[in-house]
C-alpha atoms as a PDB file:
ATOM      1  CA  MET A   1      -2.999  11.704 -37.136  1.00  0.00           C
ATOM      2  CA  ASN A   2      -4.091  12.639 -33.587  1.00  0.00           C
ATOM      3  CA  ILE A   3      -6.768   9.933 -33.638  1.00  0.00           C
ATOM      4  CA  ASP A   4      -4.118   7.302 -34.370  1.00  0.00           C
ATOM      5  CA  ARG A   5      -1.982   8.460 -31.438  1.00  0.00           C
ATOM      6  CA  PHE A   6      -5.013   8.498 -29.163  1.00  0.00           C
ATOM      7  CA  SER A   7      -5.912   4.944 -30.200  1.00  0.00           C
ATOM      8  CA  VAL A   8      -2.395   3.748 -29.496  1.00  0.00           C
ATOM      9  CA  VAL A   9      -2.423   5.387 -26.050  1.00  0.00           C
ATOM     10  CA  VAL A  10      -5.785   3.794 -25.209  1.00  0.00           C
ATOM     11  CA  VAL A  11      -4.590   0.338 -26.271  1.00  0.00           C
ATOM     12  CA  VAL A  12      -1.361   0.692 -24.275  1.00  0.00           C
ATOM     13  CA  VAL A  13      -3.276   1.779 -21.155  1.00  0.00           C
ATOM     14  CA  ILE A  14      -5.679  -1.162 -21.471  1.00  0.00           C
ATOM     15  CA  VAL A  15      -2.825  -3.652 -21.922  1.00  0.00           C
ATOM     16  CA  VAL A  16      -0.970  -2.258 -18.889  1.00  0.00           C
ATOM     17  CA  LEU A  17      -4.100  -2.393 -16.711  1.00  0.00           C
ATOM     18  CA  VAL A  18      -4.892  -5.977 -17.708  1.00  0.00           C
ATOM     19  CA  ALA A  19      -1.285  -7.012 -17.031  1.00  0.00           C
ATOM     20  CA  LEU A  20      -1.300  -5.370 -13.607  1.00  0.00           C
ATOM     21  CA  MET A  21      -4.621  -6.926 -12.606  1.00  0.00           C
ATOM     22  CA  SER A  22      -3.638 -10.436 -13.675  1.00  0.00           C
ATOM     23  CA  CYS A  23      -0.203 -10.303 -12.033  1.00  0.00           C
ATOM     24  CA  ARG A  24      -1.138  -8.630  -8.736  1.00  0.00           C
ATOM     25  CA  GLY A  25      -0.901 -11.920  -6.846  1.00  0.00           C
ATOM     26  CA  CYS A  26       2.673 -12.578  -7.919  1.00  0.00           C
ATOM     27  CA  THR A  27       3.818  -9.774  -5.616  1.00  0.00           C
ATOM     28  CA  VAL A  28       2.151 -11.206  -2.487  1.00  0.00           C
ATOM     29  CA  SER A  29       4.728 -12.596  -0.072  1.00  0.00           C
ATOM     30  CA  ASP A  30       4.333 -16.037   1.435  1.00  0.00           C
ATOM     31  CA  GLN A  31       4.932 -14.364   4.803  1.00  0.00           C
ATOM     32  CA  VAL A  32       1.295 -13.204   4.610  1.00  0.00           C
ATOM     33  CA  ALA A  33       0.146 -16.835   4.520  1.00  0.00           C
ATOM     34  CA  ILE A  34       2.577 -17.891   7.241  1.00  0.00           C
ATOM     35  CA  LYS A  35       1.400 -15.101   9.542  1.00  0.00           C
ATOM     36  CA  ALA A  36      -2.271 -16.003   8.960  1.00  0.00           C
ATOM     37  CA  LEU A  37      -1.565 -19.650   9.779  1.00  0.00           C
ATOM     38  CA  GLU A  38       0.464 -18.797  12.872  1.00  0.00           C
ATOM     39  CA  THR A  39      -2.280 -16.487  14.119  1.00  0.00           C
ATOM     40  CA  SER A  40      -4.744 -19.366  13.762  1.00  0.00           C
ATOM     41  CA  GLY A  41      -2.583 -21.711  15.827  1.00  0.00           C
ATOM     42  CA  PHE A  42      -0.741 -23.635  13.105  1.00  0.00           C
ATOM     43  CA  SER A  43       2.948 -24.452  13.543  1.00  0.00           C
ATOM     44  CA  ASP A  44       5.812 -26.044  11.598  1.00  0.00           C
ATOM     45  CA  ILE A  45       4.552 -24.320   8.435  1.00  0.00           C
ATOM     46  CA  LYS A  46       5.996 -25.078   5.002  1.00  0.00           C
ATOM     47  CA  ILE A  47       4.701 -23.269   1.898  1.00  0.00           C
ATOM     48  CA  VAL A  48       4.674 -25.775  -0.965  1.00  0.00           C
ATOM     49  CA  ASP A  49       2.932 -23.780  -3.719  1.00  0.00           C
ATOM     50  CA  HIS A  50       2.123 -20.168  -4.637  1.00  0.00           C
ATOM     51  CA  SER A  51      -0.429 -19.532  -7.393  1.00  0.00           C
ATOM     52  CA  TRP A  52      -1.562 -16.150  -8.636  1.00  0.00           C
ATOM     53  CA  PHE A  53      -3.325 -16.840 -11.929  1.00  0.00           C
ATOM     54  CA  ALA A  54      -7.121 -17.359 -12.113  1.00  0.00           C
ATOM     55  CA  ILE A  55      -7.582 -17.607  -8.348  1.00  0.00           C
ATOM     56  CA  GLY A  56     -11.326 -16.968  -8.632  1.00  0.00           C
ATOM     57  CA  VAL A  57     -11.814 -20.265 -10.459  1.00  0.00           C
ATOM     58  CA  ARG A  58      -9.434 -22.170  -8.169  1.00  0.00           C
ATOM     59  CA  GLY A  59     -11.560 -21.905  -5.042  1.00  0.00           C
ATOM     60  CA  GLY A  60     -10.889 -18.300  -4.087  1.00  0.00           C
ATOM     61  CA  SER A  61     -13.145 -15.283  -4.275  1.00  0.00           C
ATOM     62  CA  ASP A  62     -12.962 -12.689  -7.018  1.00  0.00           C
ATOM     63  CA  SER A  63     -11.104 -10.360  -4.644  1.00  0.00           C
ATOM     64  CA  ASP A  64      -8.377 -12.913  -3.897  1.00  0.00           C
ATOM     65  CA  ALA A  65      -5.068 -12.361  -5.671  1.00  0.00           C
ATOM     66  CA  ALA A  66      -2.982 -15.322  -4.515  1.00  0.00           C
ATOM     67  CA  ARG A  67      -3.339 -18.872  -3.247  1.00  0.00           C
ATOM     68  CA  PHE A  68      -0.737 -20.533  -1.080  1.00  0.00           C
ATOM     69  CA  THR A  69      -0.733 -24.261  -0.383  1.00  0.00           C
ATOM     70  CA  ALA A  70       0.941 -25.100   2.906  1.00  0.00           C
ATOM     71  CA  GLU A  71       1.728 -28.139   4.977  1.00  0.00           C
ATOM     72  CA  ALA A  72       1.469 -27.412   8.689  1.00  0.00           C
ATOM     73  CA  THR A  73       0.666 -28.837  12.078  1.00  0.00           C
ATOM     74  CA  ASN A  74      -2.818 -27.764  13.157  1.00  0.00           C
ATOM     75  CA  PRO A  75      -3.700 -26.645  16.707  1.00  0.00           C
ATOM     76  CA  VAL A  76      -4.564 -30.224  17.777  1.00  0.00           C
ATOM     77  CA  GLY A  77      -1.215 -31.593  16.587  1.00  0.00           C
ATOM     78  CA  LYS A  78      -2.209 -33.225  13.298  1.00  0.00           C
ATOM     79  CA  ARG A  79      -0.173 -32.645  10.119  1.00  0.00           C
ATOM     80  CA  VAL A  80      -2.484 -31.170   7.443  1.00  0.00           C
ATOM     81  CA  THR A  81      -2.448 -29.505   4.040  1.00  0.00           C
ATOM     82  CA  VAL A  82      -4.252 -26.167   3.896  1.00  0.00           C
ATOM     83  CA  GLU A  83      -4.774 -23.410   1.368  1.00  0.00           C
ATOM     84  CA  VAL A  84      -4.471 -19.742   2.231  1.00  0.00           C
ATOM     85  CA  PHE A  85      -6.191 -17.289  -0.093  1.00  0.00           C
ATOM     86  CA  THR A  86      -5.140 -13.683   0.188  1.00  0.00           C
ATOM     87  CA  GLY A  87      -5.799 -10.417  -1.532  1.00  0.00           C
ATOM     88  CA  TRP A  88      -3.453  -7.781  -2.711  1.00  0.00           C
ATOM     89  CA  LEU A  89      -2.753  -4.723  -0.612  1.00  0.00           C
ATOM     90  CA  PHE A  90      -5.661  -4.371   1.857  1.00  0.00           C
ATOM     91  CA  LYS A  91      -7.498  -7.713   1.877  1.00  0.00           C
ATOM     92  CA  GLY A  92      -6.790 -10.224   4.625  1.00  0.00           C
ATOM     93  CA  ALA A  93      -6.278 -13.970   4.334  1.00  0.00           C
ATOM     94  CA  THR A  94      -8.702 -16.917   4.333  1.00  0.00           C
ATOM     95  CA  ILE A  95      -7.567 -20.379   5.432  1.00  0.00           C
ATOM     96  CA  ARG A  96      -9.244 -23.429   3.907  1.00  0.00           C
ATOM     97  CA  SER A  97      -8.534 -27.039   4.688  1.00  0.00           C
ATOM     98  CA  GLN A  98      -8.550 -29.671   1.974  1.00  0.00           C
END
């Protein structure tokens, strides 16, 4: 009987960990992307998309948790679409142009 309870606890822990790791990007605020763009000289920023699932296969690194697509005016005055990849908690942001 104890083995059955132990197995259930192990399965529940694994399911919770997988859920937390796959959803960590859904808690990242778009203010992180806006701040990164502003720091790099972009203005008139509009976030048009926020993705958090499978970021590693969507152009981000394995440590990225979220991808934001933004339309903004770059430092030379041209309107562009950029992607901002960011991690969860302690990782900074990476800006990539399309």
